[in-house]
Protein backbone atom coordinates (compact mmCIF):
# COMPACT_ATOMS: atom_id res chain seq x y z
CA MET A 1 13.86 -114.24 104.17
CA SER A 2 16.15 -116.50 102.19
CA ASP A 3 17.18 -119.72 103.90
CA LEU A 4 20.82 -119.26 104.84
CA SER A 5 20.92 -121.94 107.50
CA ASN A 6 22.54 -125.33 107.22
CA ASP A 7 20.82 -127.64 104.79
CA ASN A 8 18.26 -129.97 106.34
CA GLY A 9 19.04 -133.42 107.48
CA GLY A 10 22.06 -132.47 109.58
CA SER A 11 24.36 -132.81 106.60
CA GLY A 12 26.66 -130.07 107.83
CA LEU A 13 26.35 -128.15 104.58
CA GLN A 14 26.13 -124.36 104.68
CA ILE A 15 24.13 -123.33 101.62
CA ASN A 16 21.47 -120.99 100.39
CA LYS A 17 19.19 -123.67 98.98
CA PHE A 18 17.82 -121.69 96.05
CA VAL A 19 21.18 -120.24 94.95
CA PHE A 20 23.09 -123.50 95.36
CA TRP A 21 20.62 -125.78 93.61
CA ALA A 22 19.68 -123.29 90.89
CA SER A 23 23.34 -122.70 90.05
CA ALA A 24 24.17 -126.40 90.12
CA GLY A 25 21.04 -127.21 88.12
CA LEU A 26 21.86 -124.72 85.35
CA VAL A 27 25.37 -126.13 85.08
CA VAL A 28 24.16 -129.73 84.98
CA PHE A 29 21.58 -128.82 82.33
CA PHE A 30 24.24 -127.19 80.17
CA VAL A 31 26.62 -130.14 80.56
CA ALA A 32 23.91 -132.69 79.73
CA PHE A 33 22.59 -130.70 76.76
CA THR A 34 26.07 -130.28 75.30
CA LEU A 35 27.01 -133.94 75.73
CA LEU A 36 23.75 -135.05 74.10
CA ASN A 37 24.27 -132.76 71.10
CA LEU A 38 28.02 -132.92 70.52
CA ASP A 39 27.60 -133.31 66.77
CA ARG A 40 25.73 -129.99 66.51
CA THR A 41 27.37 -127.89 69.20
CA THR A 42 30.03 -126.19 67.04
CA ALA A 43 27.46 -124.74 64.63
CA MET A 44 25.18 -123.82 67.52
CA PHE A 45 27.93 -122.07 69.47
CA ASP A 46 28.99 -120.14 66.36
CA THR A 47 25.43 -118.93 65.73
CA VAL A 48 24.94 -117.82 69.33
CA LEU A 49 28.30 -116.04 69.46
CA GLN A 50 27.72 -114.18 66.20
CA PHE A 51 24.24 -113.06 67.26
CA ILE A 52 25.28 -111.76 70.68
CA THR A 53 28.41 -109.92 69.55
CA ALA A 54 26.69 -108.36 66.54
CA SER A 55 23.67 -107.21 68.56
CA THR A 56 25.21 -106.08 71.84
CA GLY A 57 28.70 -104.87 71.01
CA TRP A 58 27.76 -101.25 71.70
CA PHE A 59 26.47 -102.25 75.15
CA PHE A 60 29.69 -104.02 76.16
CA VAL A 61 31.81 -101.07 74.95
CA LEU A 62 29.71 -98.48 76.77
CA SER A 63 29.48 -100.53 79.97
CA ILE A 64 33.20 -101.22 80.33
CA ASN A 65 33.94 -97.50 80.04
CA ILE A 66 31.34 -96.65 82.67
CA TYR A 67 32.87 -99.14 85.12
CA LEU A 68 36.30 -97.55 84.81
CA GLY A 69 34.80 -94.07 85.07
CA VAL A 70 33.04 -94.91 88.34
CA VAL A 71 36.24 -96.33 89.85
CA LEU A 72 38.25 -93.24 88.91
CA LEU A 73 35.50 -91.03 90.32
CA LEU A 74 35.70 -92.83 93.68
CA LEU A 75 39.50 -92.75 93.67
CA PHE A 76 39.48 -88.96 93.69
CA SER A 77 36.31 -88.47 95.73
CA ARG A 78 35.83 -87.59 99.40
CA HIS A 79 35.24 -91.29 100.04
CA ALA A 80 38.82 -92.25 99.16
CA ASN A 81 39.98 -92.19 102.80
CA VAL A 82 37.29 -94.59 104.00
CA ARG A 83 38.89 -97.72 105.45
CA LEU A 84 37.33 -101.04 104.57
CA GLY A 85 36.25 -102.51 107.89
CA GLY A 86 36.24 -99.25 109.83
CA ASP A 87 38.87 -96.83 111.08
CA ASP A 88 40.52 -99.40 113.36
CA ALA A 89 40.75 -102.19 110.78
CA ARG A 90 44.18 -103.31 109.60
CA PRO A 91 45.14 -105.57 106.67
CA ASP A 92 45.12 -109.31 107.25
CA PHE A 93 47.85 -109.97 104.66
CA THR A 94 51.09 -108.29 103.71
CA THR A 95 51.05 -106.15 100.60
CA TRP A 96 53.26 -108.70 98.80
CA GLY A 97 50.94 -111.58 99.68
CA TRP A 98 47.86 -109.52 98.79
CA LEU A 99 49.12 -108.47 95.36
CA SER A 100 50.37 -111.99 94.61
CA MET A 101 46.94 -113.44 95.26
CA LEU A 102 45.28 -110.71 93.19
CA PHE A 103 47.57 -111.13 90.19
CA SER A 104 47.53 -114.92 90.21
CA ALA A 105 43.79 -115.23 90.57
CA GLY A 106 43.01 -112.38 88.18
CA MET A 107 44.86 -113.12 84.98
CA GLY A 108 47.45 -115.86 85.38
CA ILE A 109 46.39 -118.48 82.82
CA GLY A 110 45.16 -115.91 80.32
CA LEU A 111 48.46 -114.04 80.31
CA MET A 112 50.41 -117.22 79.75
CA PHE A 113 48.15 -118.19 76.86
CA TRP A 114 47.76 -114.84 75.06
CA SER A 115 50.96 -112.86 75.80
CA VAL A 116 52.60 -114.17 72.62
CA ALA A 117 49.56 -115.30 70.65
CA GLU A 118 47.59 -112.05 70.72
CA PRO A 119 50.36 -109.70 69.50
CA MET A 120 51.13 -112.22 66.75
CA TYR A 121 47.52 -112.29 65.61
CA HIS A 122 47.21 -108.49 65.51
CA PHE A 123 50.61 -108.22 63.82
CA ALA A 124 49.51 -110.59 61.06
CA SER A 125 45.89 -109.35 60.82
CA PRO A 126 45.57 -105.82 62.25
CA PRO A 127 42.15 -104.13 62.38
CA TRP A 128 43.57 -101.38 60.14
CA GLY A 129 46.82 -100.75 58.29
CA GLU A 130 49.27 -103.04 56.52
CA PRO A 131 50.06 -106.39 58.20
CA LEU A 132 53.53 -107.70 59.07
CA THR A 133 55.09 -104.22 59.27
CA ALA A 134 56.66 -102.14 62.04
CA GLU A 135 53.44 -100.10 62.25
CA ALA A 136 51.44 -103.30 62.58
CA ALA A 137 53.75 -104.40 65.41
CA LYS A 138 53.22 -101.15 67.30
CA LEU A 139 49.46 -101.35 66.81
CA ALA A 140 49.48 -104.98 67.95
CA MET A 141 51.06 -104.09 71.29
CA GLY A 142 48.76 -101.08 71.77
CA ILE A 143 45.69 -103.25 71.22
CA THR A 144 47.00 -105.99 73.51
CA PHE A 145 47.69 -103.44 76.26
CA PHE A 146 44.17 -102.10 75.78
CA HIS A 147 42.59 -105.52 76.29
CA TRP A 148 44.65 -106.26 79.42
CA GLY A 149 44.99 -102.76 80.89
CA LEU A 150 43.05 -100.30 82.98
CA HIS A 151 39.61 -101.32 81.79
CA ALA A 152 40.06 -104.90 82.97
CA TRP A 153 41.54 -104.00 86.34
CA GLY A 154 39.07 -101.14 86.81
CA LEU A 155 36.26 -103.67 86.49
CA TYR A 156 37.83 -105.88 89.15
CA ALA A 157 38.38 -102.88 91.42
CA LEU A 158 34.71 -101.90 91.09
CA MET A 159 33.38 -105.31 92.02
CA GLY A 160 35.93 -105.88 94.78
CA LEU A 161 35.33 -102.47 96.35
CA ALA A 162 31.55 -102.84 96.32
CA LEU A 163 31.74 -106.26 97.95
CA ALA A 164 34.30 -105.22 100.57
CA TYR A 165 32.49 -102.00 101.43
CA PHE A 166 29.07 -103.53 102.02
CA ALA A 167 30.50 -106.57 103.81
CA TYR A 168 32.96 -104.82 106.12
CA ASN A 169 31.42 -101.37 106.54
CA ARG A 170 27.74 -102.32 106.45
CA GLY A 171 27.99 -105.77 108.05
CA LEU A 172 26.28 -107.56 105.17
CA PRO A 173 27.15 -111.04 103.82
CA LEU A 174 30.15 -111.18 101.48
CA THR A 175 28.14 -111.90 98.37
CA VAL A 176 27.01 -109.99 95.30
CA ARG A 177 23.45 -109.43 96.51
CA SER A 178 24.76 -107.24 99.35
CA THR A 179 26.02 -104.61 96.91
CA PHE A 180 22.39 -103.84 95.99
CA TYR A 181 21.31 -102.95 99.53
CA PRO A 182 20.98 -99.18 98.88
CA LEU A 183 18.50 -99.98 96.09
CA LEU A 184 16.69 -103.08 97.36
CA GLY A 185 17.00 -102.78 101.13
CA GLU A 186 16.01 -105.93 103.02
CA ARG A 187 14.77 -107.46 99.76
CA ILE A 188 18.33 -108.54 99.06
CA HIS A 189 17.62 -111.39 101.50
CA GLY A 190 14.72 -112.60 99.35
CA LYS A 191 14.30 -113.93 95.83
CA ALA A 192 15.64 -110.78 94.18
CA GLY A 193 18.94 -111.30 95.96
CA ASP A 194 18.87 -115.02 95.17
CA VAL A 195 18.57 -114.32 91.44
CA ILE A 196 21.51 -111.87 91.57
CA ASP A 197 23.69 -114.46 93.30
CA VAL A 198 22.72 -117.21 90.84
CA MET A 199 23.76 -114.96 87.95
CA ALA A 200 27.06 -114.23 89.72
CA ALA A 201 27.77 -117.89 90.44
CA VAL A 202 27.01 -119.05 86.90
CA ALA A 203 29.04 -116.21 85.35
CA THR A 204 31.97 -117.11 87.58
CA LEU A 205 31.80 -120.79 86.71
CA PHE A 206 31.78 -120.20 82.96
CA GLY A 207 34.35 -117.41 83.10
CA LEU A 208 36.69 -119.70 84.96
CA ALA A 209 35.91 -122.62 82.65
CA THR A 210 37.15 -120.50 79.75
CA SER A 211 40.48 -119.97 81.48
CA LEU A 212 40.78 -123.60 82.50
CA GLY A 213 40.04 -124.71 78.94
CA LEU A 214 42.75 -122.42 77.58
CA GLY A 215 45.12 -123.66 80.28
CA ALA A 216 44.47 -127.29 79.40
CA GLN A 217 45.16 -126.58 75.72
CA GLN A 218 48.43 -124.87 76.59
CA VAL A 219 49.59 -127.59 79.01
CA ASN A 220 48.83 -130.16 76.32
CA ALA A 221 50.83 -128.17 73.77
CA GLY A 222 53.72 -127.90 76.22
CA PHE A 223 53.80 -131.62 76.93
CA ALA A 224 53.64 -132.32 73.18
CA HIS A 225 56.68 -130.07 72.78
CA LEU A 226 58.53 -131.94 75.49
CA PHE A 227 57.40 -135.49 74.73
CA ASP A 228 56.75 -136.66 71.18
CA ALA A 229 54.60 -139.52 72.43
CA ILE A 230 51.96 -137.15 73.83
CA PRO A 231 49.57 -135.93 71.12
CA GLN A 232 47.56 -132.70 71.12
CA SER A 233 43.96 -133.76 71.35
CA THR A 234 40.73 -133.08 73.21
CA THR A 235 41.05 -136.41 74.98
CA VAL A 236 44.46 -135.53 76.42
CA GLN A 237 43.16 -132.10 77.44
CA VAL A 238 40.19 -133.61 79.27
CA ILE A 239 42.55 -135.98 81.11
CA LEU A 240 44.77 -133.04 82.06
CA ILE A 241 41.77 -131.12 83.37
CA ALA A 242 40.85 -134.10 85.56
CA ILE A 243 44.37 -134.42 86.96
CA ILE A 244 44.93 -130.72 87.60
CA THR A 245 41.45 -130.28 89.06
CA GLY A 246 42.35 -133.02 91.51
CA MET A 247 45.43 -131.03 92.48
CA ALA A 248 43.23 -127.94 92.92
CA THR A 249 40.96 -129.73 95.36
CA ILE A 250 43.96 -130.37 97.62
CA SER A 251 44.72 -126.66 97.67
CA VAL A 252 41.05 -125.95 98.30
CA VAL A 253 41.02 -128.17 101.36
CA LEU A 254 44.14 -126.49 102.75
CA GLY A 255 42.37 -123.10 102.68
CA VAL A 256 43.36 -119.54 101.80
CA ASP A 257 46.39 -119.02 104.01
CA LYS A 258 48.09 -122.39 103.53
CA GLY A 259 46.83 -123.19 100.05
CA ILE A 260 45.94 -120.25 97.85
CA ARG A 261 48.35 -117.72 99.35
CA ARG A 262 51.39 -119.99 99.19
CA LEU A 263 50.61 -121.23 95.69
CA SER A 264 50.03 -117.66 94.51
CA GLN A 265 53.40 -116.54 95.80
CA ILE A 266 55.15 -119.61 94.39
CA ASN A 267 53.78 -119.21 90.87
CA VAL A 268 54.45 -115.46 90.83
CA ILE A 269 58.09 -116.21 91.74
CA ILE A 270 58.39 -118.94 89.09
CA ALA A 271 56.75 -116.72 86.49
CA GLY A 272 59.13 -113.94 87.44
CA LEU A 273 62.10 -116.23 86.84
CA LEU A 274 60.83 -117.10 83.36
CA LEU A 275 60.20 -113.42 82.64
CA PHE A 276 63.73 -112.52 83.76
CA PHE A 277 65.20 -115.28 81.61
CA VAL A 278 63.45 -114.09 78.45
CA LEU A 279 64.43 -110.49 79.23
CA ILE A 280 68.12 -111.36 79.67
CA ALA A 281 68.45 -114.08 77.03
CA GLY A 282 66.44 -112.09 74.51
CA PRO A 283 67.01 -108.64 72.98
CA THR A 284 67.21 -106.85 76.35
CA ARG A 285 67.71 -103.28 75.14
CA TYR A 286 64.99 -103.68 72.52
CA LEU A 287 62.53 -104.99 75.14
CA LEU A 288 63.26 -102.11 77.54
CA ASP A 289 62.86 -99.60 74.71
CA ALA A 290 59.64 -101.31 73.67
CA LEU A 291 58.18 -101.14 77.19
CA VAL A 292 58.51 -97.35 77.27
CA GLN A 293 57.20 -96.94 73.74
CA ASN A 294 54.34 -99.38 74.32
CA LEU A 295 53.12 -97.27 77.22
CA GLY A 296 53.06 -94.27 74.93
CA ILE A 297 51.28 -96.22 72.19
CA TYR A 298 48.69 -97.41 74.73
CA ILE A 299 47.99 -93.87 75.91
CA GLN A 300 47.85 -92.62 72.32
CA GLN A 301 45.49 -95.37 71.10
CA LEU A 302 43.28 -95.45 74.20
CA PRO A 303 40.75 -92.78 73.11
CA ARG A 304 40.35 -94.41 69.71
CA LEU A 305 39.99 -97.94 71.00
CA MET A 306 37.83 -97.43 74.08
CA PHE A 307 34.83 -96.14 72.09
CA ARG A 308 35.37 -98.12 68.89
CA THR A 309 32.32 -100.18 67.81
CA GLU A 310 33.16 -100.80 64.11
CA ALA A 311 30.02 -98.90 63.10
CA TYR A 312 31.69 -97.73 59.86
CA THR A 313 33.72 -100.81 58.97
CA GLN A 314 31.67 -103.84 60.10
CA SER A 315 34.80 -105.99 59.81
CA GLY A 316 33.91 -108.35 62.64
CA TRP A 317 37.40 -108.06 64.12
CA GLN A 318 36.12 -106.49 67.33
CA HIS A 319 33.61 -109.31 67.85
CA GLY A 320 36.34 -111.90 68.07
CA TRP A 321 38.69 -109.87 70.24
CA THR A 322 37.55 -106.85 72.24
CA LEU A 323 34.02 -108.03 72.97
CA PHE A 324 35.31 -111.47 73.97
CA TYR A 325 37.73 -109.88 76.42
CA TRP A 326 35.14 -107.54 77.91
CA ALA A 327 32.70 -110.41 78.41
CA TRP A 328 35.47 -112.56 79.88
CA TRP A 329 36.50 -109.93 82.41
CA ILE A 330 32.84 -109.28 83.30
CA ALA A 331 32.21 -112.99 83.86
CA TRP A 332 35.36 -113.18 85.99
CA SER A 333 34.46 -110.12 88.08
CA PRO A 334 32.42 -111.90 90.81
CA PHE A 335 35.28 -114.37 91.25
CA VAL A 336 38.08 -111.83 91.40
CA GLY A 337 35.92 -109.27 93.23
CA ILE A 338 34.86 -111.58 96.06
CA PHE A 339 38.30 -113.11 96.38
CA VAL A 340 40.00 -109.70 96.49
CA ALA A 341 37.39 -108.33 98.90
CA ARG A 342 37.91 -111.28 101.22
CA VAL A 343 41.64 -110.55 101.51
CA SER A 344 41.44 -106.71 101.47
CA ARG A 345 39.94 -105.85 104.84
CA GLY A 346 41.80 -102.91 106.39
CA ARG A 347 42.74 -101.17 103.12
CA THR A 348 41.51 -97.64 102.40
CA VAL A 349 39.43 -97.02 99.30
CA ARG A 350 42.30 -95.03 97.78
CA GLU A 351 44.84 -97.74 98.59
CA PHE A 352 42.53 -100.45 97.28
CA ILE A 353 41.70 -98.77 93.96
CA GLY A 354 45.17 -97.31 93.43
CA ALA A 355 46.95 -100.59 94.03
CA ILE A 356 44.62 -102.59 91.82
CA LEU A 357 44.72 -100.10 88.96
CA ILE A 358 48.45 -99.42 89.00
CA VAL A 359 50.43 -102.41 90.27
CA PRO A 360 48.83 -105.36 88.42
CA THR A 361 48.35 -103.23 85.29
CA LEU A 362 52.04 -102.32 85.13
CA ALA A 363 53.06 -105.90 85.92
CA THR A 364 50.78 -107.09 83.13
CA PHE A 365 52.31 -104.57 80.71
CA VAL A 366 55.81 -105.72 81.59
CA TRP A 367 54.84 -109.36 80.97
CA LEU A 368 53.14 -108.57 77.67
CA THR A 369 56.11 -106.52 76.49
CA VAL A 370 58.77 -109.08 77.34
CA PHE A 371 56.95 -111.99 75.71
CA GLY A 372 55.01 -110.16 73.01
CA ASN A 373 57.88 -107.98 71.84
CA ALA A 374 60.37 -110.84 72.05
CA ALA A 375 58.15 -112.67 69.55
CA LEU A 376 57.79 -109.55 67.40
CA HIS A 377 61.59 -109.14 67.40
CA VAL A 378 61.92 -112.66 66.01
CA GLU A 379 59.43 -111.80 63.26
CA LEU A 380 60.82 -108.36 62.41
CA PHE A 381 64.56 -108.92 62.79
CA GLY A 382 65.11 -112.66 63.20
CA GLY A 383 64.21 -115.81 61.38
CA GLY A 384 60.44 -115.56 61.87
CA GLY A 385 58.19 -118.60 62.08
CA ILE A 386 56.16 -117.71 65.17
CA VAL A 387 53.26 -116.17 63.23
CA GLU A 388 52.83 -119.29 61.14
CA ALA A 389 53.02 -121.51 64.21
CA VAL A 390 50.38 -119.43 65.98
CA LYS A 391 48.09 -119.58 62.95
CA ALA A 392 48.39 -123.35 62.97
CA ASP A 393 47.82 -123.75 66.73
CA VAL A 394 47.39 -120.78 69.06
CA ALA A 395 48.26 -122.87 72.13
CA VAL A 396 51.89 -123.34 71.02
CA ALA A 397 52.69 -119.61 70.82
CA THR A 398 54.69 -119.27 74.03
CA PHE A 399 56.55 -122.54 73.50
CA GLN A 400 57.43 -121.59 69.93
CA LEU A 401 58.98 -118.37 71.26
CA LEU A 402 60.98 -120.23 73.92
CA GLU A 403 62.45 -122.43 71.18
CA SER A 404 64.29 -119.30 70.01
CA PHE A 405 66.33 -119.16 73.25
CA PRO A 406 68.91 -121.42 74.89
CA MET A 407 67.78 -124.26 77.20
CA ALA A 408 64.46 -124.51 75.37
CA SER A 409 63.53 -127.82 77.00
CA VAL A 410 64.06 -126.38 80.48
CA THR A 411 62.13 -123.17 79.82
CA VAL A 412 59.25 -124.99 78.11
CA ALA A 413 59.01 -127.32 81.12
CA LEU A 414 59.07 -124.30 83.42
CA ALA A 415 56.33 -122.62 81.40
CA VAL A 416 54.17 -125.75 81.65
CA CYS A 417 54.67 -125.77 85.42
CA ILE A 418 53.59 -122.12 85.58
CA VAL A 419 50.41 -122.81 83.64
CA ILE A 420 49.61 -125.74 85.93
CA THR A 421 50.13 -123.70 89.11
CA PHE A 422 48.07 -120.83 87.68
CA PHE A 423 45.40 -123.41 86.80
CA VAL A 424 45.36 -124.71 90.36
CA THR A 425 45.35 -121.23 91.89
CA SER A 426 42.50 -120.04 89.69
CA SER A 427 40.48 -123.19 90.31
CA ASP A 428 40.80 -123.20 94.08
CA SER A 429 40.22 -119.44 94.32
CA ALA A 430 37.09 -119.60 92.17
CA SER A 431 35.82 -122.66 94.06
CA LEU A 432 36.01 -120.66 97.27
CA VAL A 433 34.23 -117.71 95.67
CA VAL A 434 31.38 -119.75 94.17
CA ASP A 435 31.02 -121.52 97.50
CA ILE A 436 30.76 -118.18 99.31
CA ILE A 437 28.08 -117.01 96.87
CA THR A 438 26.02 -120.20 97.04
CA SER A 439 26.27 -120.35 100.84
CA GLY A 440 24.68 -116.92 101.20
CA GLY A 441 27.92 -115.09 101.95
CA HIS A 442 29.38 -117.43 104.56
CA PRO A 443 33.07 -116.43 104.74
CA ASP A 444 34.37 -119.98 105.34
CA PRO A 445 31.91 -122.60 104.04
CA PRO A 446 32.49 -126.34 104.55
CA LYS A 447 35.35 -127.65 102.45
CA VAL A 448 33.28 -130.43 100.88
CA GLN A 449 31.30 -127.74 99.07
CA ARG A 450 34.49 -126.23 97.66
CA VAL A 451 35.52 -129.64 96.37
CA PHE A 452 32.12 -129.94 94.66
CA TRP A 453 32.49 -126.60 92.86
CA ALA A 454 36.12 -127.31 91.90
CA THR A 455 34.91 -130.52 90.29
CA MET A 456 32.07 -128.72 88.49
CA GLU A 457 34.52 -126.15 87.09
CA GLY A 458 36.65 -128.92 85.65
CA VAL A 459 33.60 -130.67 84.18
CA ILE A 460 32.40 -127.47 82.46
CA ALA A 461 35.84 -126.82 80.98
CA ALA A 462 36.10 -130.39 79.71
CA VAL A 463 32.63 -130.33 78.16
CA LEU A 464 33.31 -126.99 76.44
CA LEU A 465 36.49 -128.39 74.91
CA MET A 466 34.59 -131.45 73.74
CA GLY A 467 31.81 -129.29 72.34
CA GLY A 468 33.84 -126.92 70.20
CA GLY A 469 37.17 -125.93 71.70
CA LEU A 470 38.06 -122.22 71.64
CA LEU A 471 34.78 -121.29 69.92
CA ALA A 472 32.76 -122.96 72.69
CA LEU A 473 34.87 -121.24 75.36
CA GLN A 474 34.26 -117.83 73.77
CA THR A 475 30.53 -118.45 73.37
CA ALA A 476 30.10 -119.56 76.98
CA VAL A 477 31.84 -116.53 78.43
CA VAL A 478 30.07 -114.00 76.16
CA THR A 479 26.67 -115.54 76.87
CA THR A 480 27.11 -115.44 80.65
CA GLY A 481 28.90 -112.09 80.61
CA LEU A 482 26.07 -110.24 78.84
CA PRO A 483 23.42 -110.34 81.60
CA PHE A 484 26.02 -109.74 84.27
CA ALA A 485 27.18 -106.59 82.47
CA LEU A 486 23.77 -105.11 83.26
CA VAL A 487 24.07 -106.25 86.87
CA LEU A 488 27.38 -104.39 87.14
CA LEU A 489 25.88 -101.16 85.81
CA VAL A 490 23.23 -101.23 88.54
CA LEU A 491 25.90 -102.20 91.08
CA SER A 492 27.94 -99.11 90.13
CA PHE A 493 25.01 -96.84 90.90
CA SER A 494 24.27 -98.71 94.12
CA LEU A 495 27.85 -98.39 95.38
CA VAL A 496 28.01 -94.64 94.78
CA ARG A 497 24.61 -94.16 96.38
CA GLY A 498 25.55 -96.28 99.39
CA MET A 499 28.76 -94.32 100.02
CA ARG A 500 26.91 -91.03 99.76
CA GLN A 501 24.33 -92.26 102.26
CA ASP A 502 27.04 -93.19 104.75
CA ASN A 503 28.99 -89.95 104.55
CA PRO A 504 26.51 -87.80 106.53
CA ARG A 505 26.25 -90.51 109.16
CA LYS A 506 30.03 -90.51 109.60
CA ARG A 507 30.11 -86.73 110.02
CA ALA A 508 27.25 -86.87 112.54
CA ALA A 509 28.98 -89.63 114.53
CA SER A 510 32.20 -87.62 114.76
């Protein structure tokens, strides 16, 4: 049996020794290796990224489609009425609070960073067709929807459902190893389970570090917009990571109900105000028209994009975009899955999957349309300039758009605040999740451990920025996402098998 008891010496820690120290050791090794080889890291990261994406692109594409297929299968199966926690269980949080936590933890920083930048990139350099045209604009939004749509949220629903089901309906620890019980049985409590949890913890840490690194770049760009004296540099970004990570530790100590829940609701409200401002101050009718048409474009392009591997073009475009996103979402899945599972007790399988697939996806599409199409409107019908700004520095995309509207200083400041609160929410949520994994599934580990993991997340993000910026962030998430993609495939089979095993028992009991 794996040692899930308090660490020796009466320290008051609640850890699985192997999972905790192996995860921490791998992170420390990576940090030390990168710092000792800073002059060579950019070339090294580029080589690793090119090798992985060129060799395993087909695997990422196939896997992400399988995950969504399994979730849809369960949504319409006889298991859809199963309640997480048993027939008498009821939700611990209101639907508003639940969805706020899900949305904030799932994609907050990424949406702020890419909602303008990604459509601009695809508009200027589409994977096919003529750039800087109306057709390129439509394709750009279809591709952006694809990267942020059902496939991403289907992956989160799969992981969250598996964790919640085996924790609340089977009475197993709330950790990734428990989802393999139908296949491994009691061996999940041994070294096989330990290895699974180490992979989940490390993937979560590097997936989050990617988001925190992007967030630090965007906060730095926002401050540079507001204050001429603040330069955009790696040094400033590392300082920002240190400051905001400190803020995250305060939220961590306050806990889920007082800290994460309240912050999630606050930043969703603030983000909603910024969204409403851009919608009203911008080309409102155009944006509403674009939302409807974008949905149609997404549905139309979905069959072409979901199985595209560039076998006949070999352009490399997919390696830098689609495969990066799939690896990012896969690396994030233990974090979002465990966090969502922890706050989803009492939901039915149908309610759980339906809400996660529909509500955050539509909210994401609305956000992408308002910001992405507002930028495209400037390029197609206005004075332009956003594409060139994005090419020069991707982190300034959102702020460059806000300069096109009244009260630019106010809205840029508001956008910076949103990124900071999303940063804090993501950091404290992920700290809790990694702590749960490394404690062997303890639902409320000691807070000092959460502070430790929050600090480690900030250190990883800072080191990645020092070691190569965006390229290093992409390499880290693809490298950790690849092995966990295989774990998720096995998890999918295990979940379906486990539910089928339980169904006869339920009928016999009734």
